[in-house]
């Protein structure tokens, strides 16, 4: 299910502000509510660095070539 534009923008702003402030952003976070009739939330945040083309850099695509696999 896609995020609404408003929620996506709020999350983006929160993550960017925390990152700019030097906070640890990546990880699994739990937001607990004080009331039993409201749900708790678990959110996983993963840092994804982008290449100049805008595509995410994966562990495989940023690994150094070896003599056996010179890529």
PDB file of N, CA and C in Angstrom:
ATOM      1  N   UNK A   1       0.842  -1.174   0.000  1.00  0.00           N
ATOM      2  CA  UNK A   1       0.000   0.000   0.000  1.00  0.00           C
ATOM      3  C   UNK A   1       0.891   1.243   0.000  1.00  0.00           C
ATOM      4  N   UNK A   2       0.751   2.104  -1.002  1.00  0.00           N
ATOM      5  CA  UNK A   2       1.591   3.304  -1.073  1.00  0.00           C
ATOM      6  C   UNK A   2       1.235   4.310   0.021  1.00  0.00           C
ATOM      7  N   UNK A   3       2.242   5.070   0.429  1.00  0.00           N
ATOM      8  CA  UNK A   3       2.022   6.124   1.419  1.00  0.00           C
ATOM      9  C   UNK A   3       1.322   7.302   0.771  1.00  0.00           C
ATOM     10  N   UNK A   4       0.517   7.988   1.550  1.00  0.00           N
ATOM     11  CA  UNK A   4      -0.090   9.216   1.048  1.00  0.00           C
ATOM     12  C   UNK A   4       1.011  10.256   0.864  1.00  0.00           C
ATOM     13  N   UNK A   5       0.773  11.232   0.005  1.00  0.00           N
ATOM     14  CA  UNK A   5       1.767  12.280  -0.235  1.00  0.00           C
ATOM     15  C   UNK A   5       2.133  13.008   1.054  1.00  0.00           C
ATOM     16  N   UNK A   6       1.137  13.274   1.888  1.00  0.00           N
ATOM     17  CA  UNK A   6       1.389  13.991   3.136  1.00  0.00           C
ATOM     18  C   UNK A   6       2.258  13.198   4.095  1.00  0.00           C
ATOM     19  N   UNK A   7       1.953  11.908   4.265  1.00  0.00           N
ATOM     20  CA  UNK A   7       2.743  11.069   5.153  1.00  0.00           C
ATOM     21  C   UNK A   7       4.149  10.894   4.605  1.00  0.00           C
ATOM     22  N   UNK A   8       4.262  10.689   3.308  1.00  0.00           N
ATOM     23  CA  UNK A   8       5.577  10.523   2.697  1.00  0.00           C
ATOM     24  C   UNK A   8       6.426  11.780   2.899  1.00  0.00           C
ATOM     25  N   UNK A   9       5.864  12.943   2.726  1.00  0.00           N
ATOM     26  CA  UNK A   9       6.592  14.204   2.915  1.00  0.00           C
ATOM     27  C   UNK A   9       6.986  14.390   4.379  1.00  0.00           C
ATOM     28  N   UNK A  10       6.080  14.061   5.310  1.00  0.00           N
ATOM     29  CA  UNK A  10       6.392  14.181   6.741  1.00  0.00           C
ATOM     30  C   UNK A  10       7.531  13.253   7.141  1.00  0.00           C
ATOM     31  N   UNK A  11       7.505  12.009   6.663  1.00  0.00           N
ATOM     32  CA  UNK A  11       8.576  11.067   6.971  1.00  0.00           C
ATOM     33  C   UNK A  11       9.903  11.522   6.373  1.00  0.00           C
ATOM     34  N   UNK A  12       9.856  11.986   5.152  1.00  0.00           N
ATOM     35  CA  UNK A  12      11.066  12.484   4.480  1.00  0.00           C
ATOM     36  C   UNK A  12      11.670  13.623   5.280  1.00  0.00           C
ATOM     37  N   UNK A  13      10.842  14.586   5.673  1.00  0.00           N
ATOM     38  CA  UNK A  13      11.340  15.736   6.441  1.00  0.00           C
ATOM     39  C   UNK A  13      11.933  15.303   7.775  1.00  0.00           C
ATOM     40  N   UNK A  14      11.254  14.390   8.464  1.00  0.00           N
ATOM     41  CA  UNK A  14      11.737  13.893   9.743  1.00  0.00           C
ATOM     42  C   UNK A  14      13.100  13.222   9.593  1.00  0.00           C
ATOM     43  N   UNK A  15      13.235  12.362   8.595  1.00  0.00           N
ATOM     44  CA  UNK A  15      14.495  11.662   8.376  1.00  0.00           C
ATOM     45  C   UNK A  15      15.620  12.614   7.998  1.00  0.00           C
ATOM     46  N   UNK A  16      15.341  13.551   7.108  1.00  0.00           N
ATOM     47  CA  UNK A  16      16.379  14.490   6.684  1.00  0.00           C
ATOM     48  C   UNK A  16      16.815  15.408   7.819  1.00  0.00           C
ATOM     49  N   UNK A  17      15.876  15.873   8.630  1.00  0.00           N
ATOM     50  CA  UNK A  17      16.224  16.730   9.771  1.00  0.00           C
ATOM     51  C   UNK A  17      17.061  15.958  10.785  1.00  0.00           C
ATOM     52  N   UNK A  18      16.673  14.725  11.083  1.00  0.00           N
ATOM     53  CA  UNK A  18      17.423  13.917  12.040  1.00  0.00           C
ATOM     54  C   UNK A  18      18.828  13.631  11.510  1.00  0.00           C
ATOM     55  N   UNK A  19      18.941  13.290  10.233  1.00  0.00           N
ATOM     56  CA  UNK A  19      20.243  13.027   9.617  1.00  0.00           C
ATOM     57  C   UNK A  19      21.119  14.276   9.669  1.00  0.00           C
ATOM     58  N   UNK A  20      20.550  15.426   9.341  1.00  0.00           N
ATOM     59  CA  UNK A  20      21.297  16.686   9.364  1.00  0.00           C
ATOM     60  C   UNK A  20      21.772  17.032  10.770  1.00  0.00           C
ATOM     61  N   UNK A  21      21.019  16.609  11.787  1.00  0.00           N
ATOM     62  CA  UNK A  21      21.394  16.860  13.183  1.00  0.00           C
ATOM     63  C   UNK A  21      22.373  15.828  13.725  1.00  0.00           C
ATOM     64  N   UNK A  22      22.793  14.870  12.887  1.00  0.00           N
ATOM     65  CA  UNK A  22      23.754  13.867  13.300  1.00  0.00           C
ATOM     66  C   UNK A  22      23.150  12.686  14.043  1.00  0.00           C
ATOM     67  N   UNK A  23      21.839  12.556  13.997  1.00  0.00           N
ATOM     68  CA  UNK A  23      21.164  11.444  14.667  1.00  0.00           C
ATOM     69  C   UNK A  23      21.354  10.148  13.887  1.00  0.00           C
ATOM     70  N   UNK A  24      21.326   9.037  14.589  1.00  0.00           N
ATOM     71  CA  UNK A  24      21.302   7.742  13.932  1.00  0.00           C
ATOM     72  C   UNK A  24      19.898   7.535  13.383  1.00  0.00           C
ATOM     73  N   UNK A  25      19.805   7.367  12.085  1.00  0.00           N
ATOM     74  CA  UNK A  25      18.494   7.260  11.452  1.00  0.00           C
ATOM     75  C   UNK A  25      18.183   5.813  11.079  1.00  0.00           C
ATOM     76  N   UNK A  26      19.162   5.091  10.542  1.00  0.00           N
ATOM     77  CA  UNK A  26      18.934   3.705  10.130  1.00  0.00           C
ATOM     78  C   UNK A  26      18.690   2.825  11.343  1.00  0.00           C
ATOM     79  N   UNK A  27      17.763   1.898  11.182  1.00  0.00           N
ATOM     80  CA  UNK A  27      17.476   0.960  12.253  1.00  0.00           C
ATOM     81  C   UNK A  27      16.001   0.649  12.323  1.00  0.00           C
ATOM     82  N   UNK A  28      15.637  -0.135  13.306  1.00  0.00           N
ATOM     83  CA  UNK A  28      14.235  -0.469  13.539  1.00  0.00           C
ATOM     84  C   UNK A  28      13.770   0.318  14.750  1.00  0.00           C
ATOM     85  N   UNK A  29      12.708   1.049  14.575  1.00  0.00           N
ATOM     86  CA  UNK A  29      12.196   1.943  15.614  1.00  0.00           C
ATOM     87  C   UNK A  29      10.781   1.540  15.984  1.00  0.00           C
ATOM     88  N   UNK A  30      10.470   1.609  17.267  1.00  0.00           N
ATOM     89  CA  UNK A  30       9.122   1.294  17.727  1.00  0.00           C
ATOM     90  C   UNK A  30       8.525   2.550  18.341  1.00  0.00           C
ATOM     91  N   UNK A  31       7.362   2.912  17.872  1.00  0.00           N
ATOM     92  CA  UNK A  31       6.623   4.048  18.426  1.00  0.00           C
ATOM     93  C   UNK A  31       5.460   3.478  19.224  1.00  0.00           C
ATOM     94  N   UNK A  32       5.567   3.584  20.527  1.00  0.00           N
ATOM     95  CA  UNK A  32       4.522   3.039  21.390  1.00  0.00           C
ATOM     96  C   UNK A  32       3.561   4.142  21.806  1.00  0.00           C
ATOM     97  N   UNK A  33       2.305   3.787  21.835  1.00  0.00           N
ATOM     98  CA  UNK A  33       1.284   4.735  22.282  1.00  0.00           C
ATOM     99  C   UNK A  33       0.943   4.445  23.738  1.00  0.00           C
ATOM    100  N   UNK A  34       0.443   5.447  24.407  1.00  0.00           N
ATOM    101  CA  UNK A  34       0.126   5.305  25.832  1.00  0.00           C
ATOM    102  C   UNK A  34      -1.231   4.643  26.058  1.00  0.00           C
ATOM    103  N   UNK A  35      -2.022   4.526  25.007  1.00  0.00           N
ATOM    104  CA  UNK A  35      -3.374   3.972  25.151  1.00  0.00           C
ATOM    105  C   UNK A  35      -3.464   2.595  24.515  1.00  0.00           C
ATOM    106  N   UNK A  36      -4.181   1.704  25.192  1.00  0.00           N
ATOM    107  CA  UNK A  36      -4.346   0.340  24.681  1.00  0.00           C
ATOM    108  C   UNK A  36      -5.237   0.274  23.445  1.00  0.00           C
ATOM    109  N   UNK A  37      -6.074   1.272  23.233  1.00  0.00           N
ATOM    110  CA  UNK A  37      -6.972   1.236  22.084  1.00  0.00           C
ATOM    111  C   UNK A  37      -6.341   1.813  20.811  1.00  0.00           C
ATOM    112  N   UNK A  38      -5.083   2.238  20.892  1.00  0.00           N
ATOM    113  CA  UNK A  38      -4.358   2.727  19.720  1.00  0.00           C
ATOM    114  C   UNK A  38      -3.207   1.775  19.422  1.00  0.00           C
ATOM    115  N   UNK A  39      -2.891   1.599  18.152  1.00  0.00           N
ATOM    116  CA  UNK A  39      -1.811   0.659  17.808  1.00  0.00           C
ATOM    117  C   UNK A  39      -0.430   1.249  18.085  1.00  0.00           C
ATOM    118  N   UNK A  40       0.519   0.365  18.347  1.00  0.00           N
ATOM    119  CA  UNK A  40       1.927   0.731  18.350  1.00  0.00           C
ATOM    120  C   UNK A  40       2.424   0.548  16.925  1.00  0.00           C
ATOM    121  N   UNK A  41       3.568   1.142  16.615  1.00  0.00           N
ATOM    122  CA  UNK A  41       4.104   1.054  15.257  1.00  0.00           C
ATOM    123  C   UNK A  41       5.564   0.646  15.310  1.00  0.00           C
ATOM    124  N   UNK A  42       5.974  -0.198  14.371  1.00  0.00           N
ATOM    125  CA  UNK A  42       7.379  -0.538  14.207  1.00  0.00           C
ATOM    126  C   UNK A  42       7.771  -0.093  12.801  1.00  0.00           C
ATOM    127  N   UNK A  43       8.824   0.699  12.719  1.00  0.00           N
ATOM    128  CA  UNK A  43       9.261   1.251  11.449  1.00  0.00           C
ATOM    129  C   UNK A  43      10.717   0.875  11.232  1.00  0.00           C
ATOM    130  N   UNK A  44      11.017   0.355  10.058  1.00  0.00           N
ATOM    131  CA  UNK A  44      12.393   0.035   9.715  1.00  0.00           C
ATOM    132  C   UNK A  44      12.888   1.057   8.706  1.00  0.00           C
ATOM    133  N   UNK A  45      14.038   1.669   9.032  1.00  0.00           N
ATOM    134  CA  UNK A  45      14.623   2.690   8.164  1.00  0.00           C
ATOM    135  C   UNK A  45      15.965   2.173   7.671  1.00  0.00           C
ATOM    136  N   UNK A  46      16.116   2.142   6.364  1.00  0.00           N
ATOM    137  CA  UNK A  46      17.356   1.681   5.748  1.00  0.00           C
ATOM    138  C   UNK A  46      17.915   2.796   4.882  1.00  0.00           C
ATOM    139  N   UNK A  47      19.178   3.114   5.094  1.00  0.00           N
ATOM    140  CA  UNK A  47      19.827   4.137   4.269  1.00  0.00           C
ATOM    141  C   UNK A  47      20.117   3.553   2.892  1.00  0.00           C
ATOM    142  N   UNK A  48      19.780   4.285   1.856  1.00  0.00           N
ATOM    143  CA  UNK A  48      20.036   3.875   0.480  1.00  0.00           C
ATOM    144  C   UNK A  48      20.754   5.019  -0.197  1.00  0.00           C
ATOM    145  N   UNK A  49      22.030   4.812  -0.496  1.00  0.00           N
ATOM    146  CA  UNK A  49      22.791   5.840  -1.206  1.00  0.00           C
ATOM    147  C   UNK A  49      22.491   5.734  -2.690  1.00  0.00           C
ATOM    148  N   UNK A  50      22.477   6.854  -3.366  1.00  0.00           N
ATOM    149  CA  UNK A  50      22.166   6.870  -4.792  1.00  0.00           C
ATOM    150  C   UNK A  50      23.415   7.154  -5.601  1.00  0.00           C
ATOM    151  N   UNK A  51      23.448   6.596  -6.796  1.00  0.00           N
ATOM    152  CA  UNK A  51      24.523   6.899  -7.735  1.00  0.00           C
ATOM    153  C   UNK A  51      24.129   8.166  -8.474  1.00  0.00           C
ATOM    154  N   UNK A  52      24.980   8.644  -9.346  1.00  0.00           N
ATOM    155  CA  UNK A  52      24.661   9.831 -10.139  1.00  0.00           C
ATOM    156  C   UNK A  52      23.424   9.620 -10.997  1.00  0.00           C
ATOM    157  N   UNK A  53      23.126   8.358 -11.344  1.00  0.00           N
ATOM    158  CA  UNK A  53      21.967   8.076 -12.175  1.00  0.00           C
ATOM    159  C   UNK A  53      20.684   8.038 -11.361  1.00  0.00           C
ATOM    160  N   UNK A  54      20.812   8.121 -10.024  1.00  0.00           N
ATOM    161  CA  UNK A  54      19.630   8.085  -9.185  1.00  0.00           C
ATOM    162  C   UNK A  54      19.215   6.699  -8.767  1.00  0.00           C
ATOM    163  N   UNK A  55      19.928   5.661  -9.243  1.00  0.00           N
ATOM    164  CA  UNK A  55      19.604   4.295  -8.851  1.00  0.00           C
ATOM    165  C   UNK A  55      20.293   3.975  -7.535  1.00  0.00           C
ATOM    166  N   UNK A  56      19.642   3.205  -6.667  1.00  0.00           N
ATOM    167  CA  UNK A  56      20.275   2.843  -5.398  1.00  0.00           C
ATOM    168  C   UNK A  56      21.549   2.038  -5.610  1.00  0.00           C
ATOM    169  N   UNK A  57      22.512   2.239  -4.710  1.00  0.00           N
ATOM    170  CA  UNK A  57      23.741   1.467  -4.709  1.00  0.00           C
ATOM    171  C   UNK A  57      23.533   0.290  -3.776  1.00  0.00           C
ATOM    172  N   UNK A  58      23.702  -0.912  -4.282  1.00  0.00           N
ATOM    173  CA  UNK A  58      23.551  -2.099  -3.448  1.00  0.00           C
ATOM    174  C   UNK A  58      24.931  -2.612  -3.059  1.00  0.00           C
ATOM    175  N   UNK A  59      24.975  -3.506  -2.091  1.00  0.00           N
ATOM    176  CA  UNK A  59      26.245  -4.074  -1.657  1.00  0.00           C
ATOM    177  C   UNK A  59      26.970  -4.719  -2.835  1.00  0.00           C
ATOM    178  N   UNK A  60      26.227  -5.392  -3.697  1.00  0.00           N
ATOM    179  CA  UNK A  60      26.854  -6.064  -4.833  1.00  0.00           C
ATOM    180  C   UNK A  60      27.407  -5.062  -5.832  1.00  0.00           C
ATOM    181  N   UNK A  61      26.695  -3.959  -6.058  1.00  0.00           N
ATOM    182  CA  UNK A  61      27.139  -3.027  -7.087  1.00  0.00           C
ATOM    183  C   UNK A  61      28.250  -2.111  -6.607  1.00  0.00           C
ATOM    184  N   UNK A  62      28.525  -2.073  -5.302  1.00  0.00           N
ATOM    185  CA  UNK A  62      29.597  -1.210  -4.834  1.00  0.00           C
ATOM    186  C   UNK A  62      30.776  -2.015  -4.296  1.00  0.00           C
ATOM    187  N   UNK A  63      30.753  -3.327  -4.498  1.00  0.00           N
ATOM    188  CA  UNK A  63      31.870  -4.135  -4.026  1.00  0.00           C
ATOM    189  C   UNK A  63      33.059  -3.964  -4.965  1.00  0.00           C
ATOM    190  N   UNK A  64      34.235  -4.080  -4.408  1.00  0.00           N
ATOM    191  CA  UNK A  64      35.459  -3.914  -5.194  1.00  0.00           C
ATOM    192  C   UNK A  64      35.715  -5.160  -6.031  1.00  0.00           C
ATOM    193  N   UNK A  65      36.211  -4.980  -7.255  1.00  0.00           N
ATOM    194  CA  UNK A  65      36.527  -6.147  -8.077  1.00  0.00           C
ATOM    195  C   UNK A  65      37.698  -6.940  -7.492  1.00  0.00           C
ATOM    196  N   UNK A  66      37.722  -8.212  -7.779  1.00  0.00           N
ATOM    197  CA  UNK A  66      38.807  -9.082  -7.322  1.00  0.00           C
ATOM    198  C   UNK A  66      39.522  -9.623  -8.549  1.00  0.00           C
ATOM    199  N   UNK A  67      40.676 -10.282  -8.344  1.00  0.00           N
ATOM    200  CA  UNK A  67      41.388 -10.879  -9.473  1.00  0.00           C
ATOM    201  C   UNK A  67      40.557 -11.959 -10.151  1.00  0.00           C
ATOM    202  N   UNK A  68      39.778 -12.714  -9.346  1.00  0.00           N
ATOM    203  CA  UNK A  68      38.938 -13.760  -9.919  1.00  0.00           C
ATOM    204  C   UNK A  68      37.741 -13.179 -10.656  1.00  0.00           C
ATOM    205  N   UNK A  69      37.246 -12.036 -10.222  1.00  0.00           N
ATOM    206  CA  UNK A  69      36.058 -11.409 -10.794  1.00  0.00           C
ATOM    207  C   UNK A  69      36.369  -9.933 -11.045  1.00  0.00           C
ATOM    208  N   UNK A  70      37.054  -9.588 -12.150  1.00  0.00           N
ATOM    209  CA  UNK A  70      37.521  -8.216 -12.369  1.00  0.00           C
ATOM    210  C   UNK A  70      36.440  -7.201 -12.735  1.00  0.00           C
ATOM    211  N   UNK A  71      35.237  -7.597 -12.968  1.00  0.00           N
ATOM    212  CA  UNK A  71      34.106  -6.708 -13.323  1.00  0.00           C
ATOM    213  C   UNK A  71      34.563  -5.538 -14.123  1.00  0.00           C
TER     214      UNK A  71
END
